C-alpha cells in the first residue's frame, strides 16, 4: 500500500533539518529519498525549505515566485495559518501544533455563494463579474478582501488565541481557490461571450449572416431556441426587426436577450473553441456537443461543418472523397468504437473521463479547481483574441503583468520560452499568424499532448496542501 504523503512530507522536513545549511538545500533534500519525495509537489517542498531555513514571509514568497509557484494566499484557511507562522518565525512543529488546534474551525468555513448549480448561466456569470468588479480606491472587491486579511494577519500578536480569534472572525472570507485568478478568468470569458452575442444580434438586425453568427453562439446552450425563432419568421424578408411574414410578430431583441441571459454556458464548447484557437483541430467531444446544440448533424451550419470536415480529413487520407457530413459521421463512429473498447476493458465511463477539458472549464468557473499560471495566460490570450472590450481592459503586456502579479504569480519573463511566446503574441501586429507559426506547428507534431498538459496539470492548491501538509485525524 502506498505510504501516506503527509508522513513522507513530515519525514522529509525532519531529514532536511539534519542537512548542513547551504544554498542548495532544496536540491539536496531531493536526494534523501528521491522516489518518495518526487510525490511531494514542488510548492510544498519550498514551504518545507522555508521552515528549515527560517525564511521570513517575504523570503518564502520570493522563493515560490522564483520557481514559478504562487505565493501564499491569505484567503485560504490553511495558507493563512502558514502566513501567520512565517510572520512570527514559528518552526514547522509549532505550526503543526497550531493547525491541529484550529482544525475544528475549518469545518465551519462557508462554501462560495457563486455557481452552486450543475449548470452555469450567462446571467450568473454577469452577476459574478459585476459584483466582483466593484472598486473602492482603485481596488477590486477580491483584491480588497485579500489585502484586508493580509494586513489583519500582520497586525495580530503571536499565539494560538489570537490566531483562532482571527480565523473565527473571517470564516466567511476564506475560499478554497484563488479568487482573483478565478475573477480574471470569468471576466475575460464574459467579454468573449458578449462579443459573440453582439455579433449575432447585429446579424439579426441586418438580416444578413445570421447562420454564421449562430454558429459562434454554440458557446451558449441557446442555439436551438434561437434557430426555432428564426424558422418561425419564415423565408419572407422582414421589413424591420421583430416583424415576421404577413405581419406575424416574432421575438423582439429584448426577448432574444432574455433567452440568452437565462441560457447555460457550454463549457465543452468553450474548451473546444480554445482547442481550435491554438491547435487548429477539433475533437470528437466538439462534434458531440454541436449535435446536442443543433439537435442533429444536419442542423449544423454548412460553414462550421465544412471547417470540421477539413480538419478531420488531415488525419484520415482515406476520407478525402467523402462529403462533409459523411466525414463527420465517420469520425463519430470511430470515436464511439474507441469509447466502447475502453468501456469494455475497464468498465468505466463518465463525464470527467471523456470530457476532461469541459469538466476543467466548469471547475475553473465554479471555483473547485485552481487556475495555474500557464492555464490563466493561455485562456486570457484566447478570450481576448478578436474580442472588443473597454480600452483599459485590453490585453497588453503591461495589463497581463498586472493581472499575473495581482493573482500572486510572477510577471512575464522573456527569458522563459512560454513567457516569450505570450509577450510576442501580445505585441505582434498579426498575432494569429504568429500563433500559427509557433503553436500550431508544434501541435501538429505532438498532436494534443501540450494541450492536455495545460489543463491536466491544474490542481486545487488547498486540496494539495491538505493532502501533503495537514495530517489526517487519527
Protein backbone atom coordinates (compact mmCIF):
# COMPACT_ATOMS: atom_id res chain seq x y z
CA UNK A 1 0.00 0.00 0.00
CA UNK A 2 1.25 3.49 -0.84
CA UNK A 3 2.63 5.46 2.06
CA UNK A 4 0.70 8.46 3.41
CA UNK A 5 2.04 11.52 1.55
CA UNK A 6 1.74 13.66 4.69
CA UNK A 7 4.04 11.22 6.52
CA UNK A 8 6.55 11.42 3.65
CA UNK A 9 6.44 15.22 3.89
CA UNK A 10 6.94 15.12 7.67
CA UNK A 11 9.93 12.79 7.30
CA UNK A 12 11.35 14.97 4.52
CA UNK A 13 11.26 18.04 6.78
CA UNK A 14 12.97 16.15 9.61
CA UNK A 15 15.67 14.94 7.21
CA UNK A 16 16.16 18.48 5.89
CA UNK A 17 16.78 19.76 9.41
CA UNK A 18 19.67 17.31 9.63
CA UNK A 19 21.34 18.66 6.49
CA UNK A 20 24.21 21.15 6.64
CA UNK A 21 22.94 24.65 5.74
CA UNK A 22 23.72 25.52 2.13
CA UNK A 23 22.27 27.44 -0.76
CA UNK A 24 21.48 24.12 -2.44
CA UNK A 25 19.42 22.65 0.41
CA UNK A 26 16.32 22.34 -1.79
CA UNK A 27 18.25 20.27 -4.29
CA UNK A 28 19.99 18.32 -1.54
CA UNK A 29 16.74 17.33 0.12
CA UNK A 30 15.64 15.78 -3.17
CA UNK A 31 18.41 13.20 -2.89
CA UNK A 32 17.27 11.95 0.52
CA UNK A 33 14.63 9.62 -0.88
CA UNK A 34 14.07 10.56 -4.49
CA UNK A 35 11.28 8.08 -5.23
CA UNK A 36 9.23 9.20 -2.21
CA UNK A 37 9.93 12.92 -2.35
CA UNK A 38 9.01 13.01 -6.02
CA UNK A 39 5.41 12.64 -4.85
CA UNK A 40 5.61 15.92 -2.93
CA UNK A 41 4.57 18.93 -5.08
CA UNK A 42 7.33 21.49 -5.57
CA UNK A 43 5.35 24.22 -3.82
CA UNK A 44 5.10 22.14 -0.64
CA UNK A 45 8.81 21.33 -0.82
CA UNK A 46 9.63 25.04 -0.99
CA UNK A 47 7.38 25.73 2.02
CA UNK A 48 9.24 22.97 3.87
CA UNK A 49 12.51 24.62 2.90
CA UNK A 50 11.16 27.89 4.31
CA UNK A 51 10.60 26.30 7.71
CA UNK A 52 14.04 24.69 7.76
CA UNK A 53 15.85 27.85 6.66
CA UNK A 54 13.67 30.11 8.86
CA UNK A 55 12.61 32.25 5.93
CA UNK A 56 10.64 35.43 6.50
CA UNK A 57 7.29 35.57 4.73
CA UNK A 58 8.82 37.86 2.10
CA UNK A 59 11.71 35.45 1.50
CA UNK A 60 9.36 32.48 1.18
CA UNK A 61 7.09 34.24 -1.31
CA UNK A 62 10.16 35.29 -3.27
CA UNK A 63 11.40 31.69 -3.45
CA UNK A 64 7.97 30.47 -4.53
CA UNK A 65 7.89 33.06 -7.32
CA UNK A 66 11.43 32.10 -8.38
CA UNK A 67 10.27 28.54 -9.04
CA UNK A 68 7.01 29.57 -10.73
CA UNK A 69 4.75 28.78 -7.76
CA UNK A 70 2.02 31.09 -6.40
CA UNK A 71 2.74 32.99 -3.21
CA UNK A 72 0.88 32.12 0.00
CA UNK A 73 -2.74 33.23 -0.19
CA UNK A 74 -4.38 34.89 2.81
CA UNK A 75 -7.92 33.92 1.73
CA UNK A 76 -7.16 30.23 2.05
CA UNK A 77 -7.77 28.94 5.57
CA UNK A 78 -4.69 26.74 5.83
CA UNK A 79 -2.38 29.15 3.99
CA UNK A 80 -3.47 31.89 6.37
CA UNK A 81 -2.04 29.75 9.19
CA UNK A 82 1.20 29.41 7.22
CA UNK A 83 1.38 33.17 6.70
CA UNK A 84 0.89 33.62 10.44
CA UNK A 85 3.67 31.13 11.16
CA UNK A 86 6.19 32.75 8.81
CA UNK A 87 5.31 36.24 10.05
CA UNK A 88 6.16 35.17 13.60
CA UNK A 89 9.13 32.93 12.81
CA UNK A 90 7.42 29.76 14.04
CA UNK A 91 9.03 26.38 13.42
CA UNK A 92 7.42 23.57 11.47
CA UNK A 93 6.49 21.73 14.67
CA UNK A 94 4.98 24.89 16.15
CA UNK A 95 2.89 25.36 13.01
CA UNK A 96 1.73 21.72 13.17
CA UNK A 97 0.54 22.29 16.73
CA UNK A 98 -1.28 25.45 15.66
CA UNK A 99 -3.10 23.85 12.74
CA UNK A 100 -4.19 20.98 14.96
CA UNK A 101 -5.72 23.50 17.37
CA UNK A 102 -7.69 25.34 14.66
CA UNK A 103 -8.85 22.29 12.70
CA UNK A 104 -12.32 22.48 14.23
CA UNK A 105 -12.83 25.96 12.74
CA UNK A 106 -12.13 24.76 9.20
CA UNK A 107 -15.33 22.74 9.02
CA UNK A 108 -17.33 25.89 9.76
CA UNK A 109 -15.96 27.86 6.80
CA UNK A 110 -18.72 28.61 4.28
CA UNK A 111 -18.82 27.49 0.66
CA UNK A 112 -18.77 30.03 -2.15
CA UNK A 113 -22.10 31.74 -2.84
CA UNK A 114 -21.48 31.54 -6.58
CA UNK A 115 -22.32 28.91 -9.19
CA UNK A 116 -23.83 26.25 -6.94
CA UNK A 117 -25.95 24.66 -9.68
CA UNK A 118 -24.81 21.93 -12.06
CA UNK A 119 -25.19 24.45 -14.88
CA UNK A 120 -23.71 27.94 -15.07
CA UNK A 121 -25.85 30.55 -16.82
CA UNK A 122 -24.72 33.66 -18.64
CA UNK A 123 -26.74 35.76 -16.15
CA UNK A 124 -24.88 34.21 -13.20
CA UNK A 125 -21.54 34.92 -14.84
CA UNK A 126 -22.60 38.50 -15.50
CA UNK A 127 -23.61 39.00 -11.85
CA UNK A 128 -20.39 37.44 -10.58
CA UNK A 129 -18.23 39.70 -12.75
CA UNK A 130 -20.30 42.80 -11.96
CA UNK A 131 -20.32 42.35 -8.19
CA UNK A 132 -16.65 41.43 -8.00
CA UNK A 133 -15.65 44.32 -10.27
CA UNK A 134 -16.79 46.91 -7.74
CA UNK A 135 -13.87 49.11 -6.79
CA UNK A 136 -13.03 51.25 -3.82
CA UNK A 137 -9.91 53.33 -4.06
CA UNK A 138 -8.91 51.58 -7.33
CA UNK A 139 -9.05 48.19 -5.60
CA UNK A 140 -11.29 45.30 -6.67
CA UNK A 141 -13.58 43.56 -4.19
CA UNK A 142 -11.49 40.37 -4.30
CA UNK A 143 -8.27 42.38 -4.01
CA UNK A 144 -9.66 44.42 -1.12
CA UNK A 145 -10.65 41.29 0.81
CA UNK A 146 -7.26 39.70 0.23
CA UNK A 147 -5.42 42.86 1.29
CA UNK A 148 -7.59 43.18 4.39
CA UNK A 149 -6.74 39.64 5.51
CA UNK A 150 -3.04 40.15 4.77
CA UNK A 151 -2.97 43.34 6.86
CA UNK A 152 -5.02 41.74 9.64
CA UNK A 153 -2.67 38.75 9.83
CA UNK A 154 0.33 41.07 10.04
CA UNK A 155 -1.21 43.03 12.91
CA UNK A 156 -2.29 40.22 15.27
CA UNK A 157 0.10 39.14 18.05
CA UNK A 158 1.73 35.74 18.22
CA UNK A 159 -0.17 32.97 19.97
CA UNK A 160 -2.91 30.46 19.28
CA UNK A 161 -5.65 32.54 20.91
CA UNK A 162 -5.02 35.46 18.55
CA UNK A 163 -4.93 33.15 15.54
CA UNK A 164 -8.18 31.41 16.49
CA UNK A 165 -9.90 34.75 17.01
CA UNK A 166 -8.76 35.96 13.58
CA UNK A 167 -9.88 32.76 11.80
CA UNK A 168 -13.24 32.72 13.61
CA UNK A 169 -13.96 36.32 12.67
CA UNK A 170 -13.15 35.79 8.99
CA UNK A 171 -14.59 32.36 8.18
CA UNK A 172 -16.88 33.86 5.50
CA UNK A 173 -13.91 35.42 3.70
CA UNK A 174 -11.98 32.22 3.09
CA UNK A 175 -12.02 30.44 -0.27
CA UNK A 176 -10.83 27.05 -1.47
CA UNK A 177 -9.39 28.58 -4.68
CA UNK A 178 -7.52 31.75 -5.56
CA UNK A 179 -10.41 34.15 -6.07
CA UNK A 180 -8.59 36.82 -8.02
CA UNK A 181 -7.43 34.26 -10.59
CA UNK A 182 -10.98 32.94 -10.96
CA UNK A 183 -12.26 36.51 -11.26
CA UNK A 184 -9.97 37.37 -14.19
CA UNK A 185 -10.78 34.08 -15.93
CA UNK A 186 -14.50 34.79 -15.61
CA UNK A 187 -14.16 38.45 -16.55
CA UNK A 188 -12.44 37.77 -19.86
CA UNK A 189 -14.77 34.84 -20.55
CA UNK A 190 -17.62 37.32 -20.09
CA UNK A 191 -16.09 39.67 -22.68
CA UNK A 192 -15.62 36.71 -25.03
CA UNK A 193 -19.28 35.65 -24.72
CA UNK A 194 -20.50 39.24 -25.10
CA UNK A 195 -18.69 39.57 -28.42
CA UNK A 196 -20.50 36.55 -29.81
CA UNK A 197 -23.86 37.72 -28.50
CA UNK A 198 -23.45 41.15 -30.12
CA UNK A 199 -22.24 39.57 -33.38
CA UNK A 200 -25.44 37.52 -33.51
CA UNK A 201 -27.76 40.42 -32.65
CA UNK A 202 -26.06 42.66 -35.23
CA UNK A 203 -26.53 39.98 -37.90
CA UNK A 204 -30.18 39.57 -36.87
CA UNK A 205 -30.81 43.31 -37.15
CA UNK A 206 -29.25 43.40 -40.62
CA UNK A 207 -30.98 40.15 -41.68
CA UNK A 208 -27.62 39.02 -43.03
CA UNK A 209 -25.11 36.40 -41.83
CA UNK A 210 -27.41 35.04 -39.11
CA UNK A 211 -26.39 31.41 -39.72
CA UNK A 212 -22.69 32.14 -39.30
CA UNK A 213 -23.34 34.25 -36.21
CA UNK A 214 -25.44 31.45 -34.72
CA UNK A 215 -22.56 29.02 -35.20
CA UNK A 216 -20.46 31.23 -32.87
CA UNK A 217 -23.29 31.19 -30.32
CA UNK A 218 -22.81 27.49 -29.59
CA UNK A 219 -20.74 28.59 -26.57
CA UNK A 220 -24.17 29.17 -25.01
CA UNK A 221 -26.87 26.50 -24.90
CA UNK A 222 -29.43 28.67 -26.61
CA UNK A 223 -28.81 27.95 -30.28
CA UNK A 224 -31.76 25.60 -30.75
CA UNK A 225 -34.20 28.13 -29.30
CA UNK A 226 -32.79 30.93 -31.44
CA UNK A 227 -32.91 28.75 -34.55
CA UNK A 228 -36.54 27.90 -33.90
CA UNK A 229 -37.24 31.60 -33.67
CA UNK A 230 -35.52 32.22 -37.00
CA UNK A 231 -37.51 29.41 -38.62
CA UNK A 232 -40.73 30.84 -37.22
CA UNK A 233 -40.06 34.02 -39.16
CA UNK A 234 -40.19 32.03 -42.39
CA UNK A 235 -38.28 32.80 -45.54
CA UNK A 236 -40.07 36.08 -46.20
CA UNK A 237 -37.99 39.21 -45.75
CA UNK A 238 -38.65 41.28 -42.67
CA UNK A 239 -39.15 44.99 -43.02
CA UNK A 240 -37.75 45.57 -39.54
CA UNK A 241 -36.52 43.51 -36.59
CA UNK A 242 -39.42 41.91 -34.73
CA UNK A 243 -41.76 41.71 -37.72
CA UNK A 244 -42.41 38.36 -39.39
CA UNK A 245 -44.14 37.32 -42.62
CA UNK A 246 -47.60 38.81 -43.20
CA UNK A 247 -47.13 41.00 -40.13
CA UNK A 248 -46.72 38.00 -37.81
CA UNK A 249 -44.86 39.07 -34.68
CA UNK A 250 -41.53 37.39 -33.94
CA UNK A 251 -39.30 37.75 -30.88
CA UNK A 252 -38.00 41.23 -30.16
CA UNK A 253 -34.38 41.95 -29.37
CA UNK A 254 -35.22 42.06 -25.67
CA UNK A 255 -36.91 38.63 -25.99
CA UNK A 256 -33.72 37.28 -27.51
CA UNK A 257 -31.53 38.88 -24.87
CA UNK A 258 -33.75 37.35 -22.19
CA UNK A 259 -33.32 33.88 -23.72
CA UNK A 260 -29.57 34.41 -23.88
CA UNK A 261 -29.27 35.68 -20.29
CA UNK A 262 -31.04 32.59 -18.97
CA UNK A 263 -29.07 30.13 -21.10
CA UNK A 264 -26.32 27.89 -19.74
CA UNK A 265 -22.71 28.31 -20.78
CA UNK A 266 -21.43 25.34 -22.78
CA UNK A 267 -18.12 24.67 -21.02
CA UNK A 268 -17.35 21.96 -23.55
CA UNK A 269 -17.79 24.32 -26.49
CA UNK A 270 -15.66 26.97 -24.77
CA UNK A 271 -12.90 24.41 -24.30
CA UNK A 272 -13.11 23.15 -27.87
CA UNK A 273 -13.04 26.70 -29.22
CA UNK A 274 -9.88 27.09 -27.11
CA UNK A 275 -8.59 23.88 -28.70
CA UNK A 276 -9.25 25.17 -32.16
CA UNK A 277 -7.78 28.62 -31.47
CA UNK A 278 -4.40 27.17 -30.51
CA UNK A 279 -4.15 23.94 -32.44
CA UNK A 280 -6.42 24.16 -35.47
CA UNK A 281 -8.15 20.85 -34.86
CA UNK A 282 -11.46 19.71 -33.48
CA UNK A 283 -12.16 16.95 -31.00
CA UNK A 284 -14.90 14.35 -31.14
CA UNK A 285 -16.28 15.94 -27.97
CA UNK A 286 -16.87 19.08 -30.01
CA UNK A 287 -18.88 17.15 -32.57
CA UNK A 288 -20.94 15.60 -29.78
CA UNK A 289 -21.58 18.99 -28.19
CA UNK A 290 -22.55 20.57 -31.52
CA UNK A 291 -25.06 17.84 -32.25
CA UNK A 292 -26.53 18.48 -28.81
CA UNK A 293 -26.82 22.20 -29.63
CA UNK A 294 -28.32 21.65 -33.07
CA UNK A 295 -30.35 18.52 -32.32
CA UNK A 296 -28.90 16.66 -35.33
CA UNK A 297 -25.90 16.61 -37.63
CA UNK A 298 -27.98 18.02 -40.49
CA UNK A 299 -28.75 21.19 -38.49
CA UNK A 300 -25.09 22.21 -38.08
CA UNK A 301 -24.38 25.28 -40.28
CA UNK A 302 -22.57 24.44 -43.52
CA UNK A 303 -19.59 26.68 -42.75
CA UNK A 304 -18.93 25.07 -39.38
CA UNK A 305 -19.49 21.60 -40.79
CA UNK A 306 -17.03 22.34 -43.60
CA UNK A 307 -14.35 23.55 -41.19
CA UNK A 308 -14.72 20.45 -39.02
CA UNK A 309 -14.54 18.13 -42.01
CA UNK A 310 -11.44 19.82 -43.44
CA UNK A 311 -9.54 19.29 -40.21
CA UNK A 312 -10.72 15.70 -39.75
CA UNK A 313 -9.59 14.79 -43.29
CA UNK A 314 -5.99 15.76 -42.45
CA UNK A 315 -5.69 12.76 -40.13
CA UNK A 316 -7.67 10.41 -42.41
CA UNK A 317 -6.37 10.48 -46.02
CA UNK A 318 -8.90 7.80 -46.96
CA UNK A 319 -11.74 10.25 -46.29
CA UNK A 320 -10.73 12.74 -48.99
CA UNK A 321 -13.54 11.62 -51.29
CA UNK A 322 -16.25 11.80 -48.61
CA UNK A 323 -18.59 14.76 -48.36
CA UNK A 324 -18.53 16.86 -45.17
CA UNK A 325 -21.45 15.09 -43.50
CA UNK A 326 -20.01 11.64 -44.11
CA UNK A 327 -16.59 12.70 -42.75
CA UNK A 328 -18.22 13.80 -39.51
CA UNK A 329 -20.36 10.66 -39.28
CA UNK A 330 -17.26 8.51 -39.78
CA UNK A 331 -15.46 10.44 -37.04
CA UNK A 332 -18.37 9.93 -34.64
CA UNK A 333 -18.47 6.22 -35.46
CA UNK A 334 -14.71 5.88 -34.92
CA UNK A 335 -14.95 7.70 -31.59
CA UNK A 336 -17.82 5.51 -30.40
CA UNK A 337 -15.87 2.35 -31.27
CA UNK A 338 -12.86 3.57 -29.27
CA UNK A 339 -15.09 4.53 -26.36
CA UNK A 340 -16.84 1.16 -26.40
CA UNK A 341 -13.46 -0.57 -26.40
CA UNK A 342 -12.32 1.49 -23.43
CA UNK A 343 -15.57 0.80 -21.63
CA UNK A 344 -15.36 -2.94 -22.15
CA UNK A 345 -11.74 -3.02 -20.99
CA UNK A 346 -12.08 -1.12 -17.70
CA UNK A 347 -15.83 -0.82 -17.14
CA UNK A 348 -15.65 2.91 -16.52
CA UNK A 349 -17.21 5.76 -18.39
CA UNK A 350 -18.07 9.23 -17.22
CA UNK A 351 -18.16 12.95 -17.63
CA UNK A 352 -14.75 13.52 -16.12
CA UNK A 353 -13.18 10.72 -18.13
CA UNK A 354 -14.45 11.57 -21.60
CA UNK A 355 -14.91 15.31 -21.29
CA UNK A 356 -11.94 16.30 -19.19
CA UNK A 357 -11.49 19.68 -20.88
CA UNK A 358 -15.16 20.59 -20.45
CA UNK A 359 -15.02 19.47 -16.84
CA UNK A 360 -11.92 21.62 -16.18
CA UNK A 361 -13.53 24.79 -17.57
CA UNK A 362 -16.63 24.17 -15.43
CA UNK A 363 -14.46 23.78 -12.32
CA UNK A 364 -12.46 26.93 -13.10
CA UNK A 365 -15.67 28.98 -13.17
CA UNK A 366 -17.40 27.15 -10.33
CA UNK A 367 -14.37 27.52 -8.06
CA UNK A 368 -13.35 23.96 -7.26
CA UNK A 369 -10.13 23.89 -9.31
CA UNK A 370 -7.33 26.44 -9.14
CA UNK A 371 -6.15 28.04 -12.36
CA UNK A 372 -2.39 27.83 -12.59
CA UNK A 373 -0.26 30.47 -14.26
CA UNK A 374 0.09 28.75 -17.64
CA UNK A 375 -3.61 27.98 -17.87
CA UNK A 376 -4.53 31.55 -16.95
CA UNK A 377 -2.23 33.06 -19.58
CA UNK A 378 -3.43 30.69 -22.31
CA UNK A 379 -7.11 31.34 -21.65
CA UNK A 380 -6.66 35.11 -21.35
CA UNK A 381 -4.91 35.21 -24.74
CA UNK A 382 -7.72 33.10 -26.22
CA UNK A 383 -10.58 35.12 -24.72
CA UNK A 384 -9.03 38.42 -25.81
CA UNK A 385 -8.34 37.33 -29.40
CA UNK A 386 -10.72 39.25 -31.67
CA UNK A 387 -12.82 40.42 -28.71
CA UNK A 388 -13.83 44.05 -28.27
CA UNK A 389 -13.50 45.27 -24.69
CA UNK A 390 -13.07 48.52 -22.73
CA UNK A 391 -9.81 50.30 -23.54
CA UNK A 392 -8.44 49.89 -20.02
CA UNK A 393 -9.15 46.13 -20.12
CA UNK A 394 -7.43 45.40 -23.45
CA UNK A 395 -4.78 42.74 -23.02
CA UNK A 396 -1.30 44.21 -23.38
CA UNK A 397 1.98 43.05 -21.88
CA UNK A 398 1.55 45.58 -19.06
CA UNK A 399 -2.06 44.51 -18.45
CA UNK A 400 -1.06 40.82 -18.43
CA UNK A 401 1.73 41.51 -15.94
CA UNK A 402 -0.65 43.48 -13.71
CA UNK A 403 -3.10 40.55 -13.71
CA UNK A 404 -0.39 37.98 -13.00
CA UNK A 405 1.10 39.89 -10.08
CA UNK A 406 -2.35 40.58 -8.60
CA UNK A 407 -3.00 36.83 -8.73
CA UNK A 408 0.22 36.06 -6.87
CA UNK A 409 2.14 34.89 -9.94
CA UNK A 410 5.41 36.14 -11.42
CA UNK A 411 5.24 38.67 -14.26
CA UNK A 412 6.23 37.58 -17.77
CA UNK A 413 9.92 36.74 -18.11
CA UNK A 414 11.07 36.89 -21.71
CA UNK A 415 13.96 34.53 -20.87
CA UNK A 416 11.39 31.73 -20.37
CA UNK A 417 10.15 30.12 -23.61
CA UNK A 418 6.46 30.18 -22.77
CA UNK A 419 6.60 33.74 -21.44
CA UNK A 420 8.46 34.80 -24.57
CA UNK A 421 5.63 33.37 -26.66
CA UNK A 422 2.97 35.19 -24.61
CA UNK A 423 4.79 38.52 -24.81
CA UNK A 424 5.48 38.22 -28.54
CA UNK A 425 1.85 37.28 -29.16
CA UNK A 426 0.61 40.35 -27.28
CA UNK A 427 2.99 42.68 -29.11
CA UNK A 428 2.56 41.20 -32.59
CA UNK A 429 0.72 43.15 -35.28
CA UNK A 430 -0.52 39.79 -36.61
CA UNK A 431 -0.86 37.62 -33.51
CA UNK A 432 -2.82 34.84 -35.21
CA UNK A 433 -0.11 34.39 -37.83
CA UNK A 434 2.47 34.29 -35.05
CA UNK A 435 0.32 31.77 -33.20
CA UNK A 436 0.04 29.58 -36.28
CA UNK A 437 3.81 29.59 -36.72
CA UNK A 438 4.70 28.76 -33.12
CA UNK A 439 1.85 26.78 -31.55
CA UNK A 440 0.00 25.07 -34.37
CA UNK A 441 3.29 23.86 -35.82
CA UNK A 442 4.15 22.27 -32.50
CA UNK A 443 0.70 20.78 -32.09
CA UNK A 444 0.81 19.09 -35.49
CA UNK A 445 3.92 17.22 -34.43
CA UNK A 446 2.82 16.43 -30.88
CA UNK A 447 -0.92 16.06 -31.53
CA UNK A 448 -2.71 17.12 -28.35
CA UNK A 449 -0.06 16.37 -25.73
CA UNK A 450 0.73 20.00 -24.95
CA UNK A 451 -2.93 20.95 -24.78
CA UNK A 452 -3.83 18.19 -22.36
CA UNK A 453 -0.80 19.01 -20.23
CA UNK A 454 -2.19 22.54 -19.85
CA UNK A 455 -5.42 21.69 -18.08
CA UNK A 456 -4.45 18.22 -16.90
CA UNK A 457 -1.83 19.76 -14.63
CA UNK A 458 -4.29 22.03 -12.87
CA UNK A 459 -4.65 21.41 -9.16
CA UNK A 460 -6.67 22.68 -6.29
CA UNK A 461 -3.95 24.14 -4.10
CA UNK A 462 -5.95 23.75 -0.90
CA UNK A 463 -6.55 20.06 -1.52
CA UNK A 464 -2.87 19.60 -2.37
CA UNK A 465 -1.86 21.37 0.82
CA UNK A 466 -4.27 19.37 2.98
CA UNK A 467 -3.19 16.06 1.48
CA UNK A 468 0.52 16.75 1.99
CA UNK A 469 0.90 19.04 4.99
CA UNK A 470 -2.21 18.56 7.14
CA UNK A 471 -2.08 15.14 8.86
CA UNK A 472 -5.37 13.25 8.82
CA UNK A 473 -7.23 12.95 12.09
CA UNK A 474 -6.46 9.79 13.99
